[in-house]
Amino acid sequence: MPDEVRALIKACSNRAPTGIRNRALLVLLYRGGLRVSEALRLYPKDLDRDAGTVTVLVGKGGKRRTIGLDPGAFAVVERWLDKRAALGINGRAPLLCTLRGQPVASAQPEPAVSAAQAARSSPPSPWSSCSPLRCSRRTR
């Protein structure tokens, strides 16, 4: 994992619910190679913990696909699942939802990445948007 991606993930709070959610999002984008729109359309039922897979029901071109996540990446997503359960968010809410169980607007992840960068007090980099996370995953 590039240092910049690692730093973005570490810049998300490890305690605050939104930070835990944002870590899960970044992991899905980078280690799962998902598009932002795909990640935001996921529901808990789309995860298979035993197989370590995520099923994208509506991907690019309306196609369904299943991707594998390594155990470390899946653990990050599971941590968010545990946190959202503790918040009383049921399984009918999107996987990556607000703290009230509402869908996250597709424009919200970009500011989250920028805020994580700002927290590191670093200059802008190619990682200031979500798209390069997915693209870098495809080239490794």
Protein backbone atom coordinates (compact mmCIF):
# COMPACT_ATOMS: atom_id res chain seq x y z
CA MET A 1 0.00 0.00 0.00
CA PRO A 2 1.48 3.39 -0.93
CA ASP A 3 2.46 5.61 1.99
CA GLU A 4 -0.04 8.26 0.89
CA VAL A 5 -2.95 5.82 1.04
CA ARG A 6 -1.79 4.48 4.39
CA ALA A 7 -1.57 8.06 5.70
CA LEU A 8 -5.10 8.86 4.47
CA ILE A 9 -6.51 5.83 6.24
CA LYS A 10 -4.59 6.61 9.43
CA ALA A 11 -5.79 10.22 9.31
CA CYS A 12 -9.37 8.99 9.81
CA SER A 13 -10.23 8.76 13.48
CA ASN A 14 -9.91 5.30 14.96
CA ARG A 15 -12.49 6.17 17.64
CA ALA A 16 -15.10 8.50 16.16
CA PRO A 17 -17.87 6.66 14.30
CA THR A 18 -17.43 8.81 11.19
CA GLY A 19 -13.71 8.08 11.15
CA ILE A 20 -14.34 4.34 11.42
CA ARG A 21 -16.87 4.58 8.58
CA ASN A 22 -14.46 6.62 6.44
CA ARG A 23 -11.70 4.06 7.03
CA ALA A 24 -14.06 1.35 5.78
CA LEU A 25 -14.86 3.44 2.70
CA LEU A 26 -11.20 4.06 1.87
CA VAL A 27 -10.37 0.38 2.33
CA LEU A 28 -13.22 -0.65 0.01
CA LEU A 29 -12.04 1.85 -2.60
CA TYR A 30 -8.36 0.98 -2.43
CA ARG A 31 -8.15 -2.67 -1.44
CA GLY A 32 -11.41 -3.72 -3.04
CA GLY A 33 -11.04 -1.58 -6.15
CA LEU A 34 -14.62 -0.32 -5.87
CA ARG A 35 -15.91 2.86 -7.44
CA VAL A 36 -17.38 5.42 -5.01
CA SER A 37 -20.86 4.84 -6.43
CA GLU A 38 -20.48 1.07 -5.96
CA ALA A 39 -19.29 1.41 -2.37
CA LEU A 40 -22.15 3.76 -1.48
CA ARG A 41 -24.73 1.33 -2.91
CA LEU A 42 -23.59 -1.59 -0.75
CA TYR A 43 -25.74 -3.04 2.01
CA PRO A 44 -24.58 -5.30 4.83
CA LYS A 45 -26.23 -8.27 3.06
CA ASP A 46 -23.75 -7.76 0.18
CA LEU A 47 -20.88 -8.88 2.42
CA ASP A 48 -20.00 -12.53 2.91
CA ARG A 49 -17.82 -12.67 5.99
CA ASP A 50 -17.06 -16.38 5.65
CA ALA A 51 -15.90 -16.10 2.05
CA GLY A 52 -14.33 -12.65 2.49
CA THR A 53 -16.23 -11.29 -0.49
CA VAL A 54 -18.30 -8.26 -1.39
CA THR A 55 -20.97 -8.48 -4.08
CA VAL A 56 -21.56 -5.33 -6.10
CA LEU A 57 -25.10 -5.73 -7.38
CA VAL A 58 -25.04 -2.76 -9.76
CA GLY A 59 -21.57 -1.94 -11.04
CA LYS A 60 -20.46 -0.10 -14.15
CA GLY A 61 -22.77 -0.90 -17.03
CA GLY A 62 -25.32 -2.34 -14.60
CA LYS A 63 -23.20 -5.47 -14.15
CA ARG A 64 -23.01 -7.56 -11.00
CA ARG A 65 -19.58 -8.62 -9.73
CA THR A 66 -18.04 -10.16 -6.66
CA ILE A 67 -14.70 -8.99 -5.31
CA GLY A 68 -12.52 -10.49 -2.62
CA LEU A 69 -11.16 -8.57 0.35
CA ASP A 70 -8.11 -9.67 2.26
CA PRO A 71 -8.67 -10.42 5.98
CA GLY A 72 -7.14 -7.11 7.08
CA ALA A 73 -9.42 -5.09 4.82
CA PHE A 74 -12.44 -7.12 5.86
CA ALA A 75 -11.58 -6.47 9.52
CA VAL A 76 -11.76 -2.70 8.89
CA VAL A 77 -15.20 -3.06 7.32
CA GLU A 78 -16.34 -5.35 10.15
CA ARG A 79 -15.27 -2.74 12.67
CA TRP A 80 -17.66 -0.28 11.01
CA LEU A 81 -20.39 -2.95 11.03
CA ASP A 82 -19.89 -3.38 14.79
CA LYS A 83 -19.95 0.39 15.36
CA ARG A 84 -23.11 0.91 13.33
CA ALA A 85 -24.82 -1.93 15.23
CA ALA A 86 -23.85 -0.23 18.50
CA LEU A 87 -25.44 2.97 17.14
CA GLY A 88 -28.67 1.07 16.50
CA ILE A 89 -28.41 1.19 12.69
CA ASN A 90 -30.20 -1.81 11.21
CA GLY A 91 -29.26 -3.92 8.20
CA ARG A 92 -31.73 -2.13 5.92
CA ALA A 93 -29.55 1.00 5.91
CA PRO A 94 -26.76 1.21 3.33
CA LEU A 95 -23.44 -0.19 4.52
CA LEU A 96 -21.78 3.23 4.43
CA CYS A 97 -24.47 5.41 5.94
CA THR A 98 -24.70 8.49 8.12
CA LEU A 99 -24.85 8.06 11.88
CA ARG A 100 -28.63 8.21 11.55
CA GLY A 101 -28.72 5.37 9.03
CA GLN A 102 -29.32 7.60 5.99
CA PRO A 103 -27.50 7.13 2.68
CA VAL A 104 -24.23 9.05 2.32
CA ALA A 105 -24.45 11.56 -0.53
CA SER A 106 -22.05 10.71 -3.34
CA ALA A 107 -20.35 14.11 -2.92
CA GLN A 108 -19.44 13.42 0.73
CA PRO A 109 -16.46 11.04 0.27
CA GLU A 110 -14.35 13.62 -1.58
CA PRO A 111 -14.42 16.13 1.32
CA ALA A 112 -13.68 13.26 3.71
CA VAL A 113 -10.50 12.47 1.79
CA SER A 114 -9.55 16.18 1.69
CA ALA A 115 -10.23 16.53 5.42
CA ALA A 116 -8.04 13.53 6.16
CA GLN A 117 -5.26 15.15 4.14
CA ALA A 118 -5.72 18.45 5.95
CA ALA A 119 -5.48 16.66 9.30
CA ARG A 120 -2.07 15.43 8.22
CA SER A 121 -1.05 19.02 7.37
CA SER A 122 0.26 17.88 4.05
CA PRO A 123 0.14 19.56 0.66
CA PRO A 124 -2.42 18.35 -1.89
CA SER A 125 -1.46 15.18 -3.68
CA PRO A 126 -2.96 13.02 -6.39
CA TRP A 127 -4.79 11.23 -3.55
CA SER A 128 -7.03 14.26 -2.83
CA SER A 129 -9.97 12.55 -4.51
CA CYS A 130 -11.32 9.01 -4.33
CA SER A 131 -10.80 7.98 -7.95
CA PRO A 132 -6.99 7.49 -7.77
CA LEU A 133 -7.50 5.05 -4.88
CA ARG A 134 -9.35 2.69 -7.17
CA CYS A 135 -7.02 3.31 -10.11
CA SER A 136 -3.91 2.59 -8.04
CA ARG A 137 -5.46 -0.71 -6.93
CA ARG A 138 -5.97 -1.81 -10.52
CA THR A 139 -2.33 -1.18 -11.42
CA ARG A 140 -0.82 -3.26 -8.62
